[in-house]
N, C-alpha and C. Protein backbone atom coordinates (compact mmCIF):
# COMPACT_ATOMS: atom_id res chain seq x y z
N MET A 1 1.10 -0.86 0.04
CA MET A 1 0.49 0.15 -0.35
C MET A 1 0.70 1.11 -0.29
N ALA A 2 0.71 2.19 -0.91
CA ALA A 2 1.27 3.35 -1.15
C ALA A 2 0.75 4.20 0.26
N VAL A 3 1.80 5.07 0.32
CA VAL A 3 1.34 5.79 1.70
C VAL A 3 1.38 7.25 0.93
N SER A 4 0.80 8.39 0.59
CA SER A 4 1.32 9.89 0.18
C SER A 4 1.57 10.83 1.40
N LEU A 5 1.91 11.58 1.10
CA LEU A 5 2.11 13.05 2.30
C LEU A 5 1.22 14.07 1.78
N VAL A 6 0.33 14.33 2.06
CA VAL A 6 -0.94 15.06 2.01
C VAL A 6 -0.24 16.45 2.15
N ALA A 7 0.46 17.16 3.34
CA ALA A 7 0.63 18.05 3.43
C ALA A 7 1.43 17.76 4.72
N ALA A 8 2.71 19.26 5.40
CA ALA A 8 3.62 19.13 6.30
C ALA A 8 3.94 20.84 6.90
N ALA A 9 3.76 20.42 8.50
CA ALA A 9 3.96 22.07 9.36
C ALA A 9 5.18 21.72 9.81
N VAL A 10 5.88 22.51 10.34
CA VAL A 10 6.84 22.47 11.58
C VAL A 10 6.19 23.52 12.68
N CYS A 11 5.96 22.98 13.66
CA CYS A 11 5.53 23.63 14.84
C CYS A 11 6.68 23.81 15.97
N PRO A 12 7.18 24.50 16.60
CA PRO A 12 7.79 24.68 18.46
C PRO A 12 7.03 23.05 19.25
N HIS A 13 7.99 22.82 19.88
CA HIS A 13 7.55 21.88 20.76
C HIS A 13 6.23 22.70 21.63
N PRO A 14 5.50 21.90 21.97
CA PRO A 14 4.49 22.61 22.45
C PRO A 14 4.12 23.18 23.77
N PRO A 15 5.35 23.15 25.13
CA PRO A 15 5.57 23.57 25.62
C PRO A 15 5.70 25.29 25.60
N LEU A 16 6.75 25.46 25.12
CA LEU A 16 6.55 26.70 24.39
C LEU A 16 5.77 27.87 23.69
N ILE A 17 4.23 26.81 23.05
CA ILE A 17 3.71 27.63 22.74
C ILE A 17 2.43 27.89 23.70
N VAL A 18 2.33 27.40 24.57
CA VAL A 18 1.05 27.10 25.29
C VAL A 18 0.90 28.01 26.49
N PRO A 19 0.57 29.58 26.11
CA PRO A 19 0.82 30.47 27.00
C PRO A 19 0.55 30.04 28.83
N GLU A 20 0.20 29.25 29.30
CA GLU A 20 -0.31 28.71 30.27
C GLU A 20 1.59 28.45 31.24
N VAL A 21 2.45 28.01 30.28
CA VAL A 21 3.50 27.86 29.86
C VAL A 21 4.66 28.50 29.72
N ALA A 22 4.34 29.21 28.85
CA ALA A 22 4.96 30.62 28.71
C ALA A 22 5.37 31.76 29.53
N ALA A 23 4.32 31.53 30.23
CA ALA A 23 4.09 32.63 31.75
C ALA A 23 4.72 33.30 30.70
N GLY A 24 5.30 34.64 30.87
CA GLY A 24 6.06 36.08 31.09
C GLY A 24 6.53 36.19 29.82
N ALA A 25 6.49 35.26 28.74
CA ALA A 25 6.54 35.39 27.16
C ALA A 25 5.29 35.34 26.54
N ALA A 26 4.53 34.80 27.05
CA ALA A 26 3.44 34.23 26.65
C ALA A 26 2.88 35.11 25.15
N GLY A 27 3.33 36.81 25.75
CA GLY A 27 2.34 37.89 25.02
C GLY A 27 3.58 38.13 23.63
N GLU A 28 4.59 37.22 23.96
CA GLU A 28 5.42 37.58 22.37
C GLU A 28 5.32 36.51 21.66
N LEU A 29 4.57 35.38 21.90
CA LEU A 29 4.43 34.36 21.00
C LEU A 29 2.92 34.06 20.75
N ASP A 30 2.42 35.10 20.78
CA ASP A 30 1.12 35.50 20.28
C ASP A 30 0.96 35.30 18.50
N GLU A 31 2.16 35.80 17.85
CA GLU A 31 2.37 35.75 16.45
C GLU A 31 2.52 34.36 16.01
N LEU A 32 3.39 33.72 16.57
CA LEU A 32 3.88 32.41 16.90
C LEU A 32 2.69 31.73 16.80
N ARG A 33 1.60 31.27 17.69
CA ARG A 33 0.90 30.85 18.05
C ARG A 33 -0.09 30.71 16.75
N ALA A 34 -0.17 32.10 16.39
CA ALA A 34 -1.30 32.32 15.52
C ALA A 34 -0.76 31.19 14.10
N ALA A 35 0.65 31.29 13.64
CA ALA A 35 1.10 30.77 12.98
C ALA A 35 0.81 29.41 12.59
N CYS A 36 0.98 29.03 14.16
CA CYS A 36 0.86 27.15 14.12
C CYS A 36 -0.64 26.97 13.86
N ASP A 37 -1.40 28.06 14.59
CA ASP A 37 -2.76 27.39 14.49
C ASP A 37 -3.42 27.54 12.72
N ALA A 38 -2.90 28.71 12.02
CA ALA A 38 -3.09 28.51 10.75
C ALA A 38 -2.48 27.66 9.81
N ALA A 39 -0.98 26.74 10.40
CA ALA A 39 -0.79 26.11 9.62
C ALA A 39 -1.51 24.60 9.95
N LEU A 40 -1.84 24.31 11.44
CA LEU A 40 -3.24 23.27 11.43
C LEU A 40 -4.12 23.37 10.71
N ALA A 41 -4.80 24.49 10.55
CA ALA A 41 -5.63 24.59 9.99
C ALA A 41 -5.55 24.18 8.22
N ARG A 42 -4.55 24.55 8.27
CA ARG A 42 -4.02 24.03 6.36
C ARG A 42 -4.06 22.86 6.59
N LEU A 43 -3.64 22.13 7.49
CA LEU A 43 -3.47 20.13 7.21
C LEU A 43 -4.46 20.09 7.46
N ILE A 44 -5.37 20.44 8.31
CA ILE A 44 -6.77 19.70 8.18
C ILE A 44 -7.53 19.72 6.91
N ALA A 45 -7.54 21.13 6.47
CA ALA A 45 -7.68 21.54 4.56
C ALA A 45 -7.93 20.22 4.04
N ALA A 46 -6.30 19.81 4.10
CA ALA A 46 -5.65 19.33 3.37
C ALA A 46 -6.49 17.75 3.14
N GLY A 47 -7.31 17.62 3.96
CA GLY A 47 -7.98 16.16 4.34
C GLY A 47 -6.85 15.09 4.43
N ALA A 48 -6.25 15.34 5.19
CA ALA A 48 -5.28 14.26 6.18
C ALA A 48 -5.68 13.16 6.96
N ARG A 49 -5.58 12.12 6.78
CA ARG A 49 -6.38 11.22 7.60
C ARG A 49 -5.64 10.91 9.16
N ARG A 50 -4.17 10.86 9.03
CA ARG A 50 -3.35 10.70 9.99
C ARG A 50 -1.94 12.40 10.23
N LEU A 51 -2.20 12.08 11.52
CA LEU A 51 -1.34 13.36 12.32
C LEU A 51 -0.02 12.83 12.74
N VAL A 52 1.09 12.58 12.11
CA VAL A 52 1.85 12.65 12.26
C VAL A 52 2.86 13.40 13.25
N VAL A 53 3.30 13.01 14.46
CA VAL A 53 4.50 14.19 15.33
C VAL A 53 5.71 13.66 15.52
N VAL A 54 6.78 14.49 15.58
CA VAL A 54 7.83 14.06 15.46
C VAL A 54 8.22 15.11 16.67
N GLY A 55 9.30 14.35 17.51
CA GLY A 55 9.69 14.89 18.61
C GLY A 55 11.06 14.15 18.59
N PRO A 56 11.67 15.03 19.85
CA PRO A 56 12.59 14.35 20.61
C PRO A 56 13.31 13.14 21.25
N GLY A 57 12.00 12.70 21.27
CA GLY A 57 12.14 11.22 21.81
C GLY A 57 12.56 10.12 21.19
N VAL A 58 13.15 8.78 21.76
CA VAL A 58 13.41 7.38 21.34
C VAL A 58 12.51 6.58 20.73
N GLU A 59 11.38 7.21 21.40
CA GLU A 59 10.40 5.88 21.13
C GLU A 59 8.89 6.19 20.24
N GLU A 60 8.42 4.94 19.61
CA GLU A 60 7.49 5.71 18.69
C GLU A 60 6.09 4.86 19.32
N ARG A 61 5.14 5.70 19.24
CA ARG A 61 3.85 5.06 19.90
C ARG A 61 2.90 5.73 19.05
N SER A 62 1.60 4.98 19.31
CA SER A 62 0.39 5.74 18.13
C SER A 62 -0.90 5.77 19.24
N TYR A 63 -1.79 6.64 19.32
CA TYR A 63 -2.83 7.06 19.97
C TYR A 63 -3.62 6.93 19.34
N ASP A 64 -4.93 6.50 19.70
CA ASP A 64 -6.55 6.18 19.18
C ASP A 64 -7.02 7.65 19.78
N PRO A 65 -7.63 8.58 19.07
CA PRO A 65 -8.22 9.39 19.64
C PRO A 65 -9.31 9.32 20.75
N PRO A 66 -9.63 9.82 21.98
CA PRO A 66 -9.17 10.93 22.54
C PRO A 66 -7.84 11.01 23.15
N VAL A 67 -6.68 11.84 22.70
CA VAL A 67 -5.78 11.60 23.41
C VAL A 67 -5.74 12.73 24.03
N ARG A 68 -5.12 12.43 25.96
CA ARG A 68 -4.64 13.33 27.19
C ARG A 68 -3.44 13.04 27.65
N GLY A 69 -3.74 14.69 27.62
CA GLY A 69 -1.98 15.05 28.20
C GLY A 69 -1.77 15.73 29.24
N SER A 70 -1.04 16.38 29.94
CA SER A 70 -0.95 16.99 31.06
C SER A 70 0.72 18.15 30.58
N PHE A 71 0.54 19.16 31.18
CA PHE A 71 1.32 20.08 31.32
C PHE A 71 2.50 20.12 32.66
N ARG A 72 1.69 19.20 33.21
CA ARG A 72 2.19 19.63 34.61
C ARG A 72 3.69 18.84 34.84
N ARG A 73 4.50 18.40 33.58
CA ARG A 73 5.73 17.99 33.62
C ARG A 73 6.78 19.43 33.88
N TRP A 74 5.68 20.53 33.38
CA TRP A 74 6.75 21.86 33.14
C TRP A 74 6.31 22.79 33.86
N GLY A 75 5.38 22.35 35.33
CA GLY A 75 5.07 23.01 36.26
C GLY A 75 3.89 23.14 36.48
N VAL A 76 3.08 23.49 35.41
CA VAL A 76 1.61 24.21 35.11
C VAL A 76 0.50 22.97 35.17
N SER A 77 -0.27 23.04 36.15
CA SER A 77 -1.58 21.99 36.18
C SER A 77 -2.44 22.39 35.46
N LEU A 78 -2.04 21.86 34.09
CA LEU A 78 -3.27 22.18 32.64
C LEU A 78 -3.23 20.87 32.68
N ASP A 79 -4.17 20.13 32.14
CA ASP A 79 -4.65 18.90 31.52
C ASP A 79 -4.95 19.40 29.67
N VAL A 80 -5.01 18.29 28.85
CA VAL A 80 -5.62 19.35 27.53
C VAL A 80 -5.95 16.82 27.33
N THR A 81 -7.36 17.84 26.24
CA THR A 81 -7.42 16.48 25.45
C THR A 81 -7.78 16.94 23.97
N VAL A 82 -7.39 16.03 23.03
CA VAL A 82 -7.38 16.33 21.75
C VAL A 82 -7.90 15.23 20.94
N GLY A 83 -8.95 15.58 19.91
CA GLY A 83 -9.71 14.49 19.44
C GLY A 83 -10.85 14.35 19.80
């Protein structure tokens, strides 16, 4: 089965762009957050059926929606759900 790349975007690691985690730099990152939102909107509009996220870890994982996570690792009591 051939797999086609429909679209691609590069965004920074989430803690950097989450206002609650960015703290004092949150306002400075408004334009970056808007650009990331626009990039993700274009990915969705392209009709991709799968989102692949590449990070610094050595493990490979797959998740079925909804996916839950937390920013507690970065000292912020913020839980998120995607999907």
